[in-house]
Amino acid sequence: MNCQECRIMVQINEKRQSLNKLIREQGGVLSHTEIIKTSQELDLLILACYECRASAGKKKNAELAGN
């Protein structure tokens, strides 16, 4: 599986799209609460993405070292 197919990446892209839609609906202005909530959700997803990529990198390095 590559990153484009990853469920975490799909969630990140969906969250970004919903945020863009919300910004358009609100006329380009979001409340402080909406900004913080969305930012925290994206931060958690991005952190999960980085952890997944790091884990995949370690696994690949271990496989290469075993050869």
PDB file of N, CA and C in Angstrom:
ATOM      1  N   MET A   1       0.846  -1.174   0.000  1.00  0.00           N
ATOM      2  CA  MET A   1       0.000   0.000   0.000  1.00  0.00           C
ATOM      3  C   MET A   1       0.890   1.235   0.000  1.00  0.00           C
ATOM      4  N   ASN A   2       0.516   2.199  -0.809  1.00  0.00           N
ATOM      5  CA  ASN A   2       1.263   3.447  -0.780  1.00  0.00           C
ATOM      6  C   ASN A   2       0.464   4.498  -0.009  1.00  0.00           C
ATOM      7  N   CYS A   3       1.068   5.633   0.226  1.00  0.00           N
ATOM      8  CA  CYS A   3       0.445   6.672   1.057  1.00  0.00           C
ATOM      9  C   CYS A   3      -0.861   7.198   0.471  1.00  0.00           C
ATOM     10  N   GLN A   4      -0.978   7.248  -0.853  1.00  0.00           N
ATOM     11  CA  GLN A   4      -2.210   7.759  -1.464  1.00  0.00           C
ATOM     12  C   GLN A   4      -3.401   6.845  -1.177  1.00  0.00           C
ATOM     13  N   GLU A   5      -3.153   5.551  -0.953  1.00  0.00           N
ATOM     14  CA  GLU A   5      -4.215   4.595  -0.679  1.00  0.00           C
ATOM     15  C   GLU A   5      -4.483   4.432   0.814  1.00  0.00           C
ATOM     16  N   CYS A   6      -3.624   5.000   1.624  1.00  0.00           N
ATOM     17  CA  CYS A   6      -3.693   4.827   3.071  1.00  0.00           C
ATOM     18  C   CYS A   6      -4.970   5.458   3.638  1.00  0.00           C
ATOM     19  N   ARG A   7      -5.624   4.760   4.566  1.00  0.00           N
ATOM     20  CA  ARG A   7      -6.866   5.284   5.149  1.00  0.00           C
ATOM     21  C   ARG A   7      -6.619   6.577   5.917  1.00  0.00           C
ATOM     22  N   ILE A   8      -5.458   6.725   6.505  1.00  0.00           N
ATOM     23  CA  ILE A   8      -5.132   7.958   7.224  1.00  0.00           C
ATOM     24  C   ILE A   8      -5.041   9.120   6.247  1.00  0.00           C
ATOM     25  N   MET A   9      -4.372   8.895   5.127  1.00  0.00           N
ATOM     26  CA  MET A   9      -4.247   9.944   4.119  1.00  0.00           C
ATOM     27  C   MET A   9      -5.618  10.295   3.540  1.00  0.00           C
ATOM     28  N   VAL A  10      -6.460   9.295   3.361  1.00  0.00           N
ATOM     29  CA  VAL A  10      -7.819   9.543   2.872  1.00  0.00           C
ATOM     30  C   VAL A  10      -8.572  10.424   3.868  1.00  0.00           C
ATOM     31  N   GLN A  11      -8.420  10.133   5.163  1.00  0.00           N
ATOM     32  CA  GLN A  11      -9.087  10.935   6.193  1.00  0.00           C
ATOM     33  C   GLN A  11      -8.552  12.369   6.206  1.00  0.00           C
ATOM     34  N   ILE A  12      -7.256  12.527   6.034  1.00  0.00           N
ATOM     35  CA  ILE A  12      -6.657  13.867   5.992  1.00  0.00           C
ATOM     36  C   ILE A  12      -7.245  14.650   4.827  1.00  0.00           C
ATOM     37  N   ASN A  13      -7.305  14.026   3.665  1.00  0.00           N
ATOM     38  CA  ASN A  13      -7.843  14.706   2.486  1.00  0.00           C
ATOM     39  C   ASN A  13      -9.325  15.046   2.660  1.00  0.00           C
ATOM     40  N   GLU A  14     -10.086  14.133   3.267  1.00  0.00           N
ATOM     41  CA  GLU A  14     -11.509  14.403   3.521  1.00  0.00           C
ATOM     42  C   GLU A  14     -11.669  15.567   4.491  1.00  0.00           C
ATOM     43  N   LYS A  15     -10.838  15.605   5.525  1.00  0.00           N
ATOM     44  CA  LYS A  15     -10.914  16.680   6.512  1.00  0.00           C
ATOM     45  C   LYS A  15     -10.559  18.021   5.869  1.00  0.00           C
ATOM     46  N   ARG A  16      -9.553  18.024   5.020  1.00  0.00           N
ATOM     47  CA  ARG A  16      -9.177  19.257   4.320  1.00  0.00           C
ATOM     48  C   ARG A  16     -10.301  19.739   3.413  1.00  0.00           C
ATOM     49  N   GLN A  17     -10.916  18.799   2.696  1.00  0.00           N
ATOM     50  CA  GLN A  17     -12.021  19.163   1.808  1.00  0.00           C
ATOM     51  C   GLN A  17     -13.209  19.709   2.600  1.00  0.00           C
ATOM     52  N   SER A  18     -13.529  19.068   3.725  1.00  0.00           N
ATOM     53  CA  SER A  18     -14.655  19.551   4.536  1.00  0.00           C
ATOM     54  C   SER A  18     -14.332  20.918   5.141  1.00  0.00           C
ATOM     55  N   LEU A  19     -13.075  21.133   5.490  1.00  0.00           N
ATOM     56  CA  LEU A  19     -12.674  22.439   6.019  1.00  0.00           C
ATOM     57  C   LEU A  19     -12.811  23.509   4.942  1.00  0.00           C
ATOM     58  N   ASN A  20     -12.351  23.217   3.740  1.00  0.00           N
ATOM     59  CA  ASN A  20     -12.479  24.172   2.633  1.00  0.00           C
ATOM     60  C   ASN A  20     -13.947  24.485   2.350  1.00  0.00           C
ATOM     61  N   LYS A  21     -14.793  23.463   2.388  1.00  0.00           N
ATOM     62  CA  LYS A  21     -16.232  23.662   2.172  1.00  0.00           C
ATOM     63  C   LYS A  21     -16.815  24.545   3.272  1.00  0.00           C
ATOM     64  N   LEU A  22     -16.436  24.281   4.523  1.00  0.00           N
ATOM     65  CA  LEU A  22     -16.925  25.070   5.650  1.00  0.00           C
ATOM     66  C   LEU A  22     -16.488  26.532   5.522  1.00  0.00           C
ATOM     67  N   ILE A  23     -15.255  26.742   5.115  1.00  0.00           N
ATOM     68  CA  ILE A  23     -14.745  28.116   4.934  1.00  0.00           C
ATOM     69  C   ILE A  23     -15.562  28.837   3.860  1.00  0.00           C
ATOM     70  N   ARG A  24     -15.832  28.142   2.752  1.00  0.00           N
ATOM     71  CA  ARG A  24     -16.640  28.764   1.690  1.00  0.00           C
ATOM     72  C   ARG A  24     -18.050  29.085   2.197  1.00  0.00           C
ATOM     73  N   GLU A  25     -18.647  28.157   2.936  1.00  0.00           N
ATOM     74  CA  GLU A  25     -20.003  28.359   3.450  1.00  0.00           C
ATOM     75  C   GLU A  25     -20.064  29.506   4.447  1.00  0.00           C
ATOM     76  N   GLN A  26     -19.005  29.699   5.209  1.00  0.00           N
ATOM     77  CA  GLN A  26     -18.972  30.741   6.233  1.00  0.00           C
ATOM     78  C   GLN A  26     -18.462  32.075   5.683  1.00  0.00           C
ATOM     79  N   GLY A  27     -18.269  32.143   4.402  1.00  0.00           N
ATOM     80  CA  GLY A  27     -17.789  33.385   3.788  1.00  0.00           C
ATOM     81  C   GLY A  27     -16.338  33.684   4.100  1.00  0.00           C
ATOM     82  N   GLY A  28     -15.552  32.641   4.332  1.00  0.00           N
ATOM     83  CA  GLY A  28     -14.123  32.820   4.581  1.00  0.00           C
ATOM     84  C   GLY A  28     -13.777  33.094   6.032  1.00  0.00           C
ATOM     85  N   VAL A  29     -14.775  33.040   6.917  1.00  0.00           N
ATOM     86  CA  VAL A  29     -14.524  33.340   8.328  1.00  0.00           C
ATOM     87  C   VAL A  29     -14.973  32.162   9.189  1.00  0.00           C
ATOM     88  N   LEU A  30     -14.067  31.656   9.992  1.00  0.00           N
ATOM     89  CA  LEU A  30     -14.391  30.577  10.920  1.00  0.00           C
ATOM     90  C   LEU A  30     -14.258  31.083  12.347  1.00  0.00           C
ATOM     91  N   SER A  31     -15.051  30.491  13.225  1.00  0.00           N
ATOM     92  CA  SER A  31     -14.941  30.867  14.631  1.00  0.00           C
ATOM     93  C   SER A  31     -13.658  30.283  15.216  1.00  0.00           C
ATOM     94  N   HIS A  32     -13.215  30.863  16.300  1.00  0.00           N
ATOM     95  CA  HIS A  32     -12.013  30.400  16.990  1.00  0.00           C
ATOM     96  C   HIS A  32     -12.155  28.928  17.368  1.00  0.00           C
ATOM     97  N   THR A  33     -13.331  28.540  17.833  1.00  0.00           N
ATOM     98  CA  THR A  33     -13.593  27.154  18.241  1.00  0.00           C
ATOM     99  C   THR A  33     -13.481  26.208  17.052  1.00  0.00           C
ATOM    100  N   GLU A  34     -14.044  26.590  15.914  1.00  0.00           N
ATOM    101  CA  GLU A  34     -13.967  25.752  14.717  1.00  0.00           C
ATOM    102  C   GLU A  34     -12.532  25.585  14.247  1.00  0.00           C
ATOM    103  N   ILE A  35     -11.768  26.648  14.300  1.00  0.00           N
ATOM    104  CA  ILE A  35     -10.365  26.595  13.881  1.00  0.00           C
ATOM    105  C   ILE A  35      -9.577  25.651  14.784  1.00  0.00           C
ATOM    106  N   ILE A  36      -9.746  25.782  16.086  1.00  0.00           N
ATOM    107  CA  ILE A  36      -9.017  24.933  17.030  1.00  0.00           C
ATOM    108  C   ILE A  36      -9.415  23.469  16.867  1.00  0.00           C
ATOM    109  N   LYS A  37     -10.717  23.204  16.772  1.00  0.00           N
ATOM    110  CA  LYS A  37     -11.198  21.825  16.643  1.00  0.00           C
ATOM    111  C   LYS A  37     -10.639  21.182  15.374  1.00  0.00           C
ATOM    112  N   THR A  38     -10.765  21.866  14.263  1.00  0.00           N
ATOM    113  CA  THR A  38     -10.286  21.324  12.997  1.00  0.00           C
ATOM    114  C   THR A  38      -8.776  21.161  13.006  1.00  0.00           C
ATOM    115  N   SER A  39      -8.077  22.124  13.562  1.00  0.00           N
ATOM    116  CA  SER A  39      -6.623  22.057  13.645  1.00  0.00           C
ATOM    117  C   SER A  39      -6.178  20.852  14.469  1.00  0.00           C
ATOM    118  N   GLN A  40      -6.839  20.619  15.590  1.00  0.00           N
ATOM    119  CA  GLN A  40      -6.485  19.481  16.439  1.00  0.00           C
ATOM    120  C   GLN A  40      -6.765  18.157  15.732  1.00  0.00           C
ATOM    121  N   GLU A  41      -7.889  18.085  15.030  1.00  0.00           N
ATOM    122  CA  GLU A  41      -8.217  16.858  14.298  1.00  0.00           C
ATOM    123  C   GLU A  41      -7.181  16.590  13.211  1.00  0.00           C
ATOM    124  N   LEU A  42      -6.821  17.621  12.465  1.00  0.00           N
ATOM    125  CA  LEU A  42      -5.810  17.463  11.420  1.00  0.00           C
ATOM    126  C   LEU A  42      -4.447  17.110  12.016  1.00  0.00           C
ATOM    127  N   ASP A  43      -4.086  17.744  13.130  1.00  0.00           N
ATOM    128  CA  ASP A  43      -2.810  17.447  13.787  1.00  0.00           C
ATOM    129  C   ASP A  43      -2.722  15.973  14.164  1.00  0.00           C
ATOM    130  N   LEU A  44      -3.797  15.414  14.710  1.00  0.00           N
ATOM    131  CA  LEU A  44      -3.805  14.003  15.110  1.00  0.00           C
ATOM    132  C   LEU A  44      -3.682  13.089  13.891  1.00  0.00           C
ATOM    133  N   LEU A  45      -4.384  13.417  12.830  1.00  0.00           N
ATOM    134  CA  LEU A  45      -4.301  12.608  11.615  1.00  0.00           C
ATOM    135  C   LEU A  45      -2.908  12.676  10.996  1.00  0.00           C
ATOM    136  N   ILE A  46      -2.340  13.861  10.950  1.00  0.00           N
ATOM    137  CA  ILE A  46      -1.002  14.029  10.375  1.00  0.00           C
ATOM    138  C   ILE A  46       0.037  13.300  11.230  1.00  0.00           C
ATOM    139  N   LEU A  47      -0.100  13.362  12.537  1.00  0.00           N
ATOM    140  CA  LEU A  47       0.804  12.629  13.425  1.00  0.00           C
ATOM    141  C   LEU A  47       0.694  11.123  13.171  1.00  0.00           C
ATOM    142  N   ALA A  48      -0.530  10.630  13.021  1.00  0.00           N
ATOM    143  CA  ALA A  48      -0.718   9.206  12.725  1.00  0.00           C
ATOM    144  C   ALA A  48      -0.072   8.846  11.393  1.00  0.00           C
ATOM    145  N   CYS A  49      -0.173   9.753  10.423  1.00  0.00           N
ATOM    146  CA  CYS A  49       0.452   9.532   9.114  1.00  0.00           C
ATOM    147  C   CYS A  49       1.976   9.423   9.269  1.00  0.00           C
ATOM    148  N   TYR A  50       2.573  10.352   9.995  1.00  0.00           N
ATOM    149  CA  TYR A  50       4.022  10.321  10.198  1.00  0.00           C
ATOM    150  C   TYR A  50       4.460   9.045  10.915  1.00  0.00           C
ATOM    151  N   GLU A  51       3.687   8.626  11.915  1.00  0.00           N
ATOM    152  CA  GLU A  51       4.024   7.407  12.647  1.00  0.00           C
ATOM    153  C   GLU A  51       3.941   6.188  11.735  1.00  0.00           C
ATOM    154  N   CYS A  52       2.916   6.164  10.890  1.00  0.00           N
ATOM    155  CA  CYS A  52       2.747   5.059   9.952  1.00  0.00           C
ATOM    156  C   CYS A  52       3.910   5.012   8.961  1.00  0.00           C
ATOM    157  N   ARG A  53       4.270   6.169   8.434  1.00  0.00           N
ATOM    158  CA  ARG A  53       5.372   6.232   7.468  1.00  0.00           C
ATOM    159  C   ARG A  53       6.693   5.843   8.115  1.00  0.00           C
ATOM    160  N   ALA A  54       6.903   6.260   9.352  1.00  0.00           N
ATOM    161  CA  ALA A  54       8.135   5.898  10.062  1.00  0.00           C
ATOM    162  C   ALA A  54       8.181   4.395  10.292  1.00  0.00           C
ATOM    163  N   SER A  55       7.050   3.832  10.675  1.00  0.00           N
ATOM    164  CA  SER A  55       6.968   2.396  10.906  1.00  0.00           C
ATOM    165  C   SER A  55       7.239   1.620   9.617  1.00  0.00           C
ATOM    166  N   ALA A  56       6.669   2.085   8.522  1.00  0.00           N
ATOM    167  CA  ALA A  56       6.891   1.436   7.225  1.00  0.00           C
ATOM    168  C   ALA A  56       8.353   1.547   6.818  1.00  0.00           C
ATOM    169  N   GLY A  57       8.964   2.686   7.099  1.00  0.00           N
ATOM    170  CA  GLY A  57      10.379   2.872   6.775  1.00  0.00           C
ATOM    171  C   GLY A  57      11.271   1.938   7.580  1.00  0.00           C
ATOM    172  N   LYS A  58      10.964   1.785   8.870  1.00  0.00           N
ATOM    173  CA  LYS A  58      11.738   0.868   9.711  1.00  0.00           C
ATOM    174  C   LYS A  58      11.591  -0.566   9.222  1.00  0.00           C
ATOM    175  N   LYS A  59      10.372  -0.945   8.837  1.00  0.00           N
ATOM    176  CA  LYS A  59      10.130  -2.300   8.345  1.00  0.00           C
ATOM    177  C   LYS A  59      10.914  -2.543   7.060  1.00  0.00           C
ATOM    178  N   LYS A  60      10.882  -1.561   6.159  1.00  0.00           N
ATOM    179  CA  LYS A  60      11.606  -1.705   4.892  1.00  0.00           C
ATOM    180  C   LYS A  60      13.111  -1.794   5.144  1.00  0.00           C
ATOM    181  N   ASN A  61      13.631  -0.966   6.062  1.00  0.00           N
ATOM    182  CA  ASN A  61      15.061  -1.014   6.394  1.00  0.00           C
ATOM    183  C   ASN A  61      15.443  -2.364   6.982  1.00  0.00           C
ATOM    184  N   ALA A  62      14.576  -2.904   7.822  1.00  0.00           N
ATOM    185  CA  ALA A  62      14.849  -4.215   8.414  1.00  0.00           C
ATOM    186  C   ALA A  62      14.871  -5.301   7.333  1.00  0.00           C
ATOM    187  N   GLU A  63      13.933  -5.185   6.375  1.00  0.00           N
ATOM    188  CA  GLU A  63      13.912  -6.151   5.276  1.00  0.00           C
ATOM    189  C   GLU A  63      15.185  -6.052   4.436  1.00  0.00           C
ATOM    190  N   LEU A  64      15.622  -4.832   4.161  1.00  0.00           N
ATOM    191  CA  LEU A  64      16.827  -4.638   3.366  1.00  0.00           C
ATOM    192  C   LEU A  64      18.059  -5.145   4.111  1.00  0.00           C
ATOM    193  N   ALA A  65      18.092  -4.949   5.411  1.00  0.00           N
ATOM    194  CA  ALA A  65      19.230  -5.408   6.203  1.00  0.00           C
ATOM    195  C   ALA A  65      19.282  -6.925   6.260  1.00  0.00           C
ATOM    196  N   GLY A  66      18.127  -7.571   6.157  1.00  0.00           N
ATOM    197  CA  GLY A  66      18.065  -9.029   6.201  1.00  0.00           C
ATOM    198  C   GLY A  66      18.514  -9.683   4.918  1.00  0.00           C
ATOM    199  N   ASN A  67      18.579  -8.920   3.848  1.00  0.00           N
ATOM    200  CA  ASN A  67      18.962  -9.499   2.541  1.00  0.00           C
ATOM    201  C   ASN A  67      20.427  -9.590   2.372  1.00  0.00           C
TER     202      ASN A  67
END
